[in-house]
């Protein structure tokens, strides 16, 4: 079963997202995916992200956003984690600025995997301790280690229940 952390490498983590708006954040995430995965067209991804945001915001409460889209022809799911040190207004229900972004991109042909990954991401980032540690982590490597640790703990809790 695919985990969020298995989709990530330190190169797919942006510990200091240098943007001030949701539009800029989505653009930066798409460009970063294109850099790490050259077979992905950053403009096409950015357009899909903006279109998805127009339907309803992917900003959740407690400074978290999980922008997500389905792209045709994608062979494996992709993810990027980004952190804004100052926070970006993204239209969250609680009115708080977003500091943690977890971008998920999955194949349009596999909608089931999309929902499972979204559920895992939401469960992981709903943990206040995980969020706090992600905000404090000094590097991309440390951010990834925090995600792995909390994801493993969540998986163990689910299996024990």
N, C-alpha and C. Protein backbone atom coordinates (compact mmCIF):
# COMPACT_ATOMS: atom_id res chain seq x y z
N UNK A 1 0.84 -1.19 0.00
CA UNK A 1 0.00 0.00 0.00
C UNK A 1 0.88 1.25 0.00
N UNK A 2 0.55 2.22 -0.81
CA UNK A 2 1.33 3.44 -0.93
C UNK A 2 1.15 4.32 0.30
N UNK A 3 2.27 4.82 0.80
CA UNK A 3 2.23 5.77 1.90
C UNK A 3 2.63 7.14 1.38
N UNK A 4 2.29 8.17 2.13
CA UNK A 4 2.66 9.52 1.74
C UNK A 4 4.18 9.64 1.72
N UNK A 5 4.83 9.16 2.76
CA UNK A 5 6.29 9.31 2.85
C UNK A 5 7.02 8.53 1.76
N UNK A 6 6.43 7.45 1.25
CA UNK A 6 7.09 6.69 0.18
C UNK A 6 7.09 7.46 -1.14
N UNK A 7 6.24 8.47 -1.25
CA UNK A 7 6.19 9.29 -2.46
C UNK A 7 7.20 10.43 -2.42
N UNK A 8 7.84 10.60 -1.28
CA UNK A 8 8.70 11.77 -1.07
C UNK A 8 10.17 11.41 -0.98
N UNK A 9 10.99 12.33 -1.41
CA UNK A 9 12.43 12.33 -1.18
C UNK A 9 12.77 13.73 -0.70
N UNK A 10 13.96 13.94 -0.14
CA UNK A 10 14.30 15.31 0.29
C UNK A 10 14.18 16.35 -0.83
N UNK A 11 14.39 15.93 -2.08
CA UNK A 11 14.28 16.86 -3.21
C UNK A 11 12.84 17.32 -3.44
N UNK A 12 11.89 16.57 -2.92
CA UNK A 12 10.47 16.90 -3.10
C UNK A 12 9.90 17.65 -1.90
N UNK A 13 10.79 18.18 -1.07
CA UNK A 13 10.37 18.93 0.11
C UNK A 13 10.97 20.33 0.05
N UNK A 14 10.10 21.32 0.18
CA UNK A 14 10.52 22.72 0.18
C UNK A 14 10.36 23.26 1.59
N UNK A 15 11.46 23.33 2.37
CA UNK A 15 11.33 23.74 3.76
C UNK A 15 11.02 25.23 3.97
N UNK A 16 11.21 26.05 2.94
CA UNK A 16 10.92 27.48 3.07
C UNK A 16 10.34 27.99 1.76
N UNK A 17 9.04 27.84 1.61
CA UNK A 17 8.36 28.27 0.40
C UNK A 17 8.34 29.80 0.36
N UNK A 18 9.02 30.40 -0.63
CA UNK A 18 9.18 31.87 -0.64
C UNK A 18 8.08 32.60 -1.42
N UNK A 19 6.83 32.42 -1.01
CA UNK A 19 5.71 33.05 -1.71
C UNK A 19 4.79 33.73 -0.71
N UNK A 20 3.89 34.57 -1.23
CA UNK A 20 3.00 35.32 -0.35
C UNK A 20 1.52 35.09 -0.60
N UNK A 21 1.19 34.33 -1.65
CA UNK A 21 -0.23 34.12 -1.96
C UNK A 21 -0.48 32.67 -2.34
N UNK A 22 -1.76 32.29 -2.31
CA UNK A 22 -2.13 30.92 -2.68
C UNK A 22 -1.78 30.66 -4.14
N UNK A 23 -2.03 31.64 -5.01
CA UNK A 23 -1.73 31.48 -6.44
C UNK A 23 -0.23 31.22 -6.61
N UNK A 24 0.60 32.01 -5.94
CA UNK A 24 2.05 31.82 -6.04
C UNK A 24 2.47 30.47 -5.47
N UNK A 25 1.82 30.03 -4.39
CA UNK A 25 2.15 28.74 -3.78
C UNK A 25 1.87 27.60 -4.76
N UNK A 26 0.70 27.63 -5.39
CA UNK A 26 0.35 26.57 -6.35
C UNK A 26 1.30 26.57 -7.54
N UNK A 27 1.65 27.75 -8.02
CA UNK A 27 2.61 27.86 -9.13
C UNK A 27 3.97 27.27 -8.72
N UNK A 28 4.44 27.63 -7.53
CA UNK A 28 5.74 27.15 -7.05
C UNK A 28 5.74 25.64 -6.89
N UNK A 29 4.65 25.07 -6.37
CA UNK A 29 4.56 23.62 -6.24
C UNK A 29 4.63 22.95 -7.60
N UNK A 30 3.89 23.47 -8.57
CA UNK A 30 3.88 22.89 -9.92
C UNK A 30 5.25 22.98 -10.57
N UNK A 31 5.90 24.11 -10.45
CA UNK A 31 7.24 24.28 -11.02
C UNK A 31 8.21 23.29 -10.37
N UNK A 32 8.09 23.12 -9.07
CA UNK A 32 9.00 22.20 -8.38
C UNK A 32 8.78 20.75 -8.84
N UNK A 33 7.53 20.36 -9.01
CA UNK A 33 7.25 19.02 -9.53
C UNK A 33 7.91 18.86 -10.90
N UNK A 34 7.78 19.87 -11.76
CA UNK A 34 8.38 19.81 -13.09
C UNK A 34 9.90 19.70 -13.06
N UNK A 35 10.52 20.33 -12.07
CA UNK A 35 11.99 20.24 -11.94
C UNK A 35 12.43 18.82 -11.56
N UNK A 36 11.71 18.24 -10.60
CA UNK A 36 12.09 16.91 -10.10
C UNK A 36 11.58 15.80 -11.03
N UNK A 37 10.43 16.03 -11.65
CA UNK A 37 9.84 15.06 -12.57
C UNK A 37 9.67 15.73 -13.93
N UNK A 38 10.73 15.75 -14.76
CA UNK A 38 10.67 16.48 -16.03
C UNK A 38 9.58 16.03 -17.00
N UNK A 39 9.04 14.84 -16.81
CA UNK A 39 7.96 14.38 -17.69
C UNK A 39 6.61 15.04 -17.36
N UNK A 40 6.54 15.80 -16.27
CA UNK A 40 5.32 16.51 -15.90
C UNK A 40 5.43 17.95 -16.38
N UNK A 41 4.43 18.41 -17.10
CA UNK A 41 4.38 19.78 -17.59
C UNK A 41 3.90 20.69 -16.45
N UNK A 42 4.78 21.57 -15.94
CA UNK A 42 4.41 22.42 -14.81
C UNK A 42 3.21 23.33 -15.10
N UNK A 43 3.09 23.81 -16.32
CA UNK A 43 1.96 24.70 -16.65
C UNK A 43 0.65 23.93 -16.59
N UNK A 44 0.66 22.72 -17.15
CA UNK A 44 -0.53 21.87 -17.12
C UNK A 44 -0.93 21.54 -15.67
N UNK A 45 0.06 21.24 -14.85
CA UNK A 45 -0.20 20.94 -13.44
C UNK A 45 -0.72 22.18 -12.71
N UNK A 46 -0.09 23.32 -12.92
CA UNK A 46 -0.54 24.55 -12.27
C UNK A 46 -1.97 24.88 -12.67
N UNK A 47 -2.28 24.75 -13.95
CA UNK A 47 -3.65 25.02 -14.41
C UNK A 47 -4.65 24.10 -13.73
N UNK A 48 -4.29 22.82 -13.61
CA UNK A 48 -5.18 21.85 -12.95
C UNK A 48 -5.36 22.21 -11.47
N UNK A 49 -4.28 22.63 -10.82
CA UNK A 49 -4.36 23.02 -9.41
C UNK A 49 -5.26 24.25 -9.23
N UNK A 50 -5.09 25.25 -10.09
CA UNK A 50 -5.93 26.45 -9.98
C UNK A 50 -7.41 26.12 -10.23
N UNK A 51 -7.64 25.26 -11.21
CA UNK A 51 -9.02 24.85 -11.51
C UNK A 51 -9.63 24.13 -10.32
N UNK A 52 -8.86 23.27 -9.69
CA UNK A 52 -9.34 22.53 -8.50
C UNK A 52 -9.65 23.50 -7.36
N UNK A 53 -8.80 24.49 -7.15
CA UNK A 53 -9.01 25.47 -6.08
C UNK A 53 -10.25 26.32 -6.31
N UNK A 54 -10.60 26.54 -7.57
CA UNK A 54 -11.80 27.32 -7.87
C UNK A 54 -13.06 26.57 -7.46
N UNK A 55 -13.00 25.24 -7.45
CA UNK A 55 -14.15 24.43 -7.03
C UNK A 55 -14.38 24.60 -5.53
N UNK A 56 -13.33 24.46 -4.75
CA UNK A 56 -13.35 24.71 -3.30
C UNK A 56 -11.91 24.66 -2.81
N UNK A 57 -11.66 25.40 -1.78
CA UNK A 57 -10.29 25.48 -1.28
C UNK A 57 -9.82 24.14 -0.74
N UNK A 58 -8.54 23.87 -0.90
CA UNK A 58 -7.94 22.67 -0.33
C UNK A 58 -7.23 23.01 0.98
N UNK A 59 -7.39 24.26 1.43
CA UNK A 59 -6.85 24.67 2.72
C UNK A 59 -7.77 24.13 3.81
N UNK A 60 -7.18 23.39 4.73
CA UNK A 60 -7.92 22.85 5.86
C UNK A 60 -7.68 23.75 7.06
N UNK A 61 -8.04 23.30 8.22
CA UNK A 61 -7.79 24.07 9.43
C UNK A 61 -6.38 23.84 9.93
N UNK A 62 -5.98 24.64 10.91
CA UNK A 62 -4.71 24.48 11.61
C UNK A 62 -3.48 24.67 10.73
N UNK A 63 -3.58 25.54 9.71
CA UNK A 63 -2.41 25.86 8.90
C UNK A 63 -2.01 24.82 7.89
N UNK A 64 -2.94 23.97 7.47
CA UNK A 64 -2.64 22.87 6.55
C UNK A 64 -3.45 23.02 5.26
N UNK A 65 -2.81 22.73 4.14
CA UNK A 65 -3.51 22.63 2.85
C UNK A 65 -3.05 21.37 2.15
N UNK A 66 -3.98 20.70 1.50
CA UNK A 66 -3.65 19.49 0.73
C UNK A 66 -4.16 19.70 -0.70
N UNK A 67 -3.45 20.53 -1.48
CA UNK A 67 -3.84 20.67 -2.88
C UNK A 67 -3.69 19.31 -3.58
N UNK A 68 -4.67 18.96 -4.39
CA UNK A 68 -4.64 17.65 -5.04
C UNK A 68 -5.34 17.71 -6.38
N UNK A 69 -4.79 16.97 -7.32
CA UNK A 69 -5.38 16.88 -8.65
C UNK A 69 -5.12 15.50 -9.23
N UNK A 70 -5.94 15.20 -10.24
CA UNK A 70 -5.74 13.98 -11.02
C UNK A 70 -5.32 14.41 -12.41
N UNK A 71 -4.23 13.82 -12.90
CA UNK A 71 -3.74 14.11 -14.25
C UNK A 71 -3.79 12.84 -15.09
N UNK A 72 -4.26 12.93 -16.31
CA UNK A 72 -4.29 11.76 -17.19
C UNK A 72 -2.87 11.28 -17.51
N UNK A 73 -2.73 9.96 -17.57
CA UNK A 73 -1.49 9.37 -18.03
C UNK A 73 -0.36 9.30 -17.02
N UNK A 74 -0.61 9.63 -15.80
CA UNK A 74 0.44 9.58 -14.78
C UNK A 74 0.64 8.12 -14.36
N UNK A 75 1.88 7.66 -14.36
CA UNK A 75 2.12 6.25 -14.05
C UNK A 75 2.13 5.96 -12.55
N UNK A 76 2.62 6.90 -11.75
CA UNK A 76 2.65 6.73 -10.29
C UNK A 76 2.22 8.04 -9.63
N UNK A 77 1.69 7.96 -8.41
CA UNK A 77 1.33 9.19 -7.70
C UNK A 77 2.58 10.01 -7.37
N UNK A 78 2.40 11.32 -7.27
CA UNK A 78 3.49 12.23 -6.92
C UNK A 78 3.08 13.06 -5.72
N UNK A 79 4.06 13.48 -4.95
CA UNK A 79 3.78 14.35 -3.81
C UNK A 79 4.91 15.35 -3.63
N UNK A 80 4.57 16.49 -3.06
CA UNK A 80 5.53 17.51 -2.66
C UNK A 80 5.05 18.07 -1.33
N UNK A 81 5.98 18.30 -0.43
CA UNK A 81 5.67 18.98 0.83
C UNK A 81 6.37 20.32 0.80
N UNK A 82 5.65 21.35 1.21
CA UNK A 82 6.23 22.68 1.29
C UNK A 82 5.80 23.33 2.59
N UNK A 83 6.68 24.16 3.11
CA UNK A 83 6.40 24.87 4.36
C UNK A 83 6.62 26.36 4.16
N UNK A 84 5.65 27.13 4.59
CA UNK A 84 5.78 28.58 4.60
C UNK A 84 6.07 28.99 6.03
N UNK A 85 7.17 29.65 6.25
CA UNK A 85 7.55 30.02 7.61
C UNK A 85 6.63 31.10 8.16
N UNK A 86 6.08 31.95 7.30
CA UNK A 86 5.22 33.04 7.76
C UNK A 86 3.74 32.73 7.63
N UNK A 87 3.39 31.80 6.78
CA UNK A 87 1.99 31.47 6.55
C UNK A 87 1.43 32.28 5.39
N UNK A 88 0.50 31.68 4.66
CA UNK A 88 -0.08 32.28 3.46
C UNK A 88 -1.60 32.20 3.60
N UNK A 89 -2.31 33.30 3.36
CA UNK A 89 -3.76 33.22 3.40
C UNK A 89 -4.29 32.38 2.24
N UNK A 90 -4.99 31.30 2.58
CA UNK A 90 -5.47 30.38 1.54
C UNK A 90 -6.96 30.09 1.65
N UNK A 91 -7.67 30.82 2.50
CA UNK A 91 -9.11 30.63 2.61
C UNK A 91 -9.53 29.47 3.49
N UNK A 92 -8.72 29.13 4.48
CA UNK A 92 -9.08 28.04 5.40
C UNK A 92 -10.32 28.42 6.21
N UNK A 93 -11.10 27.43 6.60
CA UNK A 93 -12.33 27.68 7.35
C UNK A 93 -12.06 28.38 8.68
N UNK A 94 -10.93 28.08 9.31
CA UNK A 94 -10.63 28.71 10.61
C UNK A 94 -9.96 30.08 10.44
N UNK A 95 -9.73 30.50 9.20
CA UNK A 95 -9.15 31.81 8.94
C UNK A 95 -7.65 31.91 9.16
N UNK A 96 -7.03 30.82 9.60
CA UNK A 96 -5.59 30.83 9.86
C UNK A 96 -4.81 30.73 8.55
N UNK A 97 -3.62 31.36 8.52
CA UNK A 97 -2.78 31.21 7.33
C UNK A 97 -2.24 29.79 7.22
N UNK A 98 -1.99 29.38 5.99
CA UNK A 98 -1.48 28.03 5.74
C UNK A 98 0.04 28.04 5.80
N UNK A 99 0.57 27.10 6.56
CA UNK A 99 2.02 26.96 6.66
C UNK A 99 2.53 25.64 6.07
N UNK A 100 1.70 24.63 6.06
CA UNK A 100 2.12 23.32 5.55
C UNK A 100 1.26 22.94 4.34
N UNK A 101 1.93 22.65 3.24
CA UNK A 101 1.27 22.23 2.01
C UNK A 101 1.72 20.81 1.68
N UNK A 102 0.77 19.96 1.39
CA UNK A 102 1.08 18.61 0.90
C UNK A 102 0.35 18.45 -0.43
N UNK A 103 1.10 18.55 -1.51
CA UNK A 103 0.55 18.41 -2.85
C UNK A 103 0.50 16.93 -3.21
N UNK A 104 -0.66 16.49 -3.70
CA UNK A 104 -0.83 15.12 -4.19
C UNK A 104 -1.29 15.17 -5.63
N UNK A 105 -0.60 14.42 -6.49
CA UNK A 105 -0.97 14.33 -7.90
C UNK A 105 -1.07 12.85 -8.23
N UNK A 106 -2.24 12.44 -8.71
CA UNK A 106 -2.46 11.02 -9.02
C UNK A 106 -3.01 10.90 -10.43
N UNK A 107 -2.98 9.68 -10.94
CA UNK A 107 -3.50 9.39 -12.28
C UNK A 107 -5.01 9.57 -12.31
N UNK A 108 -5.50 10.25 -13.33
CA UNK A 108 -6.94 10.45 -13.48
C UNK A 108 -7.65 9.10 -13.65
N UNK A 109 -6.92 8.12 -14.15
CA UNK A 109 -7.52 6.81 -14.41
C UNK A 109 -7.66 5.97 -13.15
N UNK A 110 -7.12 6.43 -12.01
CA UNK A 110 -7.17 5.66 -10.76
C UNK A 110 -7.74 6.51 -9.62
N UNK A 111 -9.03 6.84 -9.67
CA UNK A 111 -9.60 7.72 -8.65
C UNK A 111 -9.59 7.12 -7.25
N UNK A 112 -9.63 5.82 -7.12
CA UNK A 112 -9.61 5.19 -5.80
C UNK A 112 -8.35 5.49 -5.03
N UNK A 113 -7.21 5.47 -5.72
CA UNK A 113 -5.94 5.74 -5.04
C UNK A 113 -5.89 7.19 -4.56
N UNK A 114 -6.52 8.07 -5.29
CA UNK A 114 -6.60 9.48 -4.95
C UNK A 114 -7.26 9.65 -3.58
N UNK A 115 -8.40 9.01 -3.40
CA UNK A 115 -9.15 9.14 -2.16
C UNK A 115 -8.40 8.53 -0.98
N UNK A 116 -7.74 7.41 -1.20
CA UNK A 116 -6.98 6.78 -0.12
C UNK A 116 -5.81 7.66 0.32
N UNK A 117 -5.10 8.23 -0.66
CA UNK A 117 -3.98 9.11 -0.31
C UNK A 117 -4.46 10.37 0.40
N UNK A 118 -5.57 10.94 -0.06
CA UNK A 118 -6.13 12.12 0.61
C UNK A 118 -6.49 11.81 2.06
N UNK A 119 -7.09 10.66 2.27
CA UNK A 119 -7.46 10.28 3.64
C UNK A 119 -6.22 10.12 4.52
N UNK A 120 -5.20 9.49 3.98
CA UNK A 120 -3.96 9.33 4.74
C UNK A 120 -3.32 10.68 5.06
N UNK A 121 -3.30 11.56 4.07
CA UNK A 121 -2.71 12.88 4.27
C UNK A 121 -3.46 13.67 5.33
N UNK A 122 -4.79 13.65 5.24
CA UNK A 122 -5.60 14.38 6.21
C UNK A 122 -5.41 13.82 7.62
N UNK A 123 -5.38 12.51 7.73
CA UNK A 123 -5.18 11.88 9.04
C UNK A 123 -3.81 12.26 9.61
N UNK A 124 -2.80 12.20 8.79
CA UNK A 124 -1.43 12.51 9.22
C UNK A 124 -1.32 13.95 9.68
N UNK A 125 -1.85 14.89 8.89
CA UNK A 125 -1.69 16.30 9.21
C UNK A 125 -2.73 16.83 10.19
N UNK A 126 -3.66 15.98 10.61
CA UNK A 126 -4.59 16.39 11.66
C UNK A 126 -3.95 16.22 13.04
N UNK A 127 -2.82 15.54 13.10
CA UNK A 127 -2.10 15.31 14.34
C UNK A 127 -1.31 16.58 14.72
N UNK A 128 -1.71 17.21 15.82
CA UNK A 128 -1.09 18.47 16.25
C UNK A 128 0.40 18.30 16.50
N UNK A 129 0.81 17.19 17.06
CA UNK A 129 2.24 16.97 17.34
C UNK A 129 3.03 16.86 16.03
N UNK A 130 2.47 16.18 15.05
CA UNK A 130 3.12 16.06 13.75
C UNK A 130 3.29 17.44 13.12
N UNK A 131 2.21 18.23 13.11
CA UNK A 131 2.29 19.58 12.54
C UNK A 131 3.35 20.42 13.24
N UNK A 132 3.36 20.36 14.55
CA UNK A 132 4.33 21.14 15.33
C UNK A 132 5.76 20.73 14.99
N UNK A 133 6.00 19.45 14.90
CA UNK A 133 7.35 18.96 14.57
C UNK A 133 7.74 19.32 13.15
N UNK A 134 6.78 19.29 12.23
CA UNK A 134 7.07 19.68 10.84
C UNK A 134 7.45 21.16 10.77
N UNK A 135 6.79 21.98 11.56
CA UNK A 135 7.11 23.41 11.57
C UNK A 135 8.48 23.70 12.18
N UNK A 136 8.92 22.82 13.07
CA UNK A 136 10.21 23.02 13.75
C UNK A 136 11.38 22.33 13.06
N UNK A 137 11.12 21.40 12.17
CA UNK A 137 12.20 20.62 11.53
C UNK A 137 13.15 21.56 10.77
N UNK A 138 14.46 21.41 10.98
CA UNK A 138 15.41 22.34 10.39
C UNK A 138 15.72 22.13 8.90
N UNK A 139 15.39 20.97 8.34
CA UNK A 139 15.79 20.71 6.95
C UNK A 139 14.77 19.80 6.26
N UNK A 140 14.92 19.65 4.96
CA UNK A 140 14.07 18.75 4.18
C UNK A 140 14.20 17.32 4.67
N UNK A 141 15.42 16.90 4.98
CA UNK A 141 15.64 15.54 5.48
C UNK A 141 14.90 15.34 6.79
N UNK A 142 14.95 16.34 7.67
CA UNK A 142 14.25 16.24 8.95
C UNK A 142 12.74 16.26 8.78
N UNK A 143 12.25 17.07 7.86
CA UNK A 143 10.81 17.09 7.58
C UNK A 143 10.34 15.70 7.13
N UNK A 144 11.10 15.08 6.24
CA UNK A 144 10.75 13.75 5.75
C UNK A 144 10.79 12.72 6.89
N UNK A 145 11.77 12.83 7.76
CA UNK A 145 11.87 11.90 8.89
C UNK A 145 10.66 12.04 9.82
N UNK A 146 10.21 13.26 10.07
CA UNK A 146 9.03 13.49 10.91
C UNK A 146 7.80 12.86 10.25
N UNK A 147 7.62 13.09 8.96
CA UNK A 147 6.47 12.50 8.26
C UNK A 147 6.50 10.98 8.35
N UNK A 148 7.66 10.39 8.10
CA UNK A 148 7.76 8.91 8.16
C UNK A 148 7.42 8.39 9.54
N UNK A 149 7.98 9.03 10.55
CA UNK A 149 7.75 8.57 11.92
C UNK A 149 6.26 8.65 12.29
N UNK A 150 5.62 9.76 11.98
CA UNK A 150 4.21 9.91 12.34
C UNK A 150 3.31 9.02 11.49
N UNK A 151 3.69 8.81 10.25
CA UNK A 151 2.92 7.92 9.39
C UNK A 151 3.01 6.48 9.90
N UNK A 152 4.19 6.05 10.30
CA UNK A 152 4.36 4.70 10.85
C UNK A 152 3.57 4.54 12.14
N UNK A 153 3.59 5.57 12.98
CA UNK A 153 2.84 5.52 14.24
C UNK A 153 1.34 5.42 13.95
N UNK A 154 0.86 6.21 13.00
CA UNK A 154 -0.58 6.18 12.64
C UNK A 154 -0.95 4.82 12.09
N UNK A 155 -0.09 4.23 11.25
CA UNK A 155 -0.38 2.90 10.69
C UNK A 155 -0.43 1.84 11.79
N UNK A 156 0.48 1.93 12.75
CA UNK A 156 0.47 0.97 13.86
C UNK A 156 -0.81 1.12 14.68
N UNK A 157 -1.25 2.34 14.91
CA UNK A 157 -2.48 2.58 15.68
C UNK A 157 -3.68 2.01 14.95
N UNK A 158 -3.74 2.18 13.62
CA UNK A 158 -4.86 1.65 12.84
C UNK A 158 -4.89 0.12 12.87
N UNK A 159 -3.71 -0.48 12.78
CA UNK A 159 -3.65 -1.96 12.80
C UNK A 159 -4.04 -2.50 14.17
N UNK A 160 -3.71 -1.78 15.24
CA UNK A 160 -4.01 -2.23 16.60
C UNK A 160 -5.50 -2.07 16.91
N UNK A 161 -6.16 -1.16 16.23
CA UNK A 161 -7.58 -0.88 16.55
C UNK A 161 -8.52 -1.96 16.05
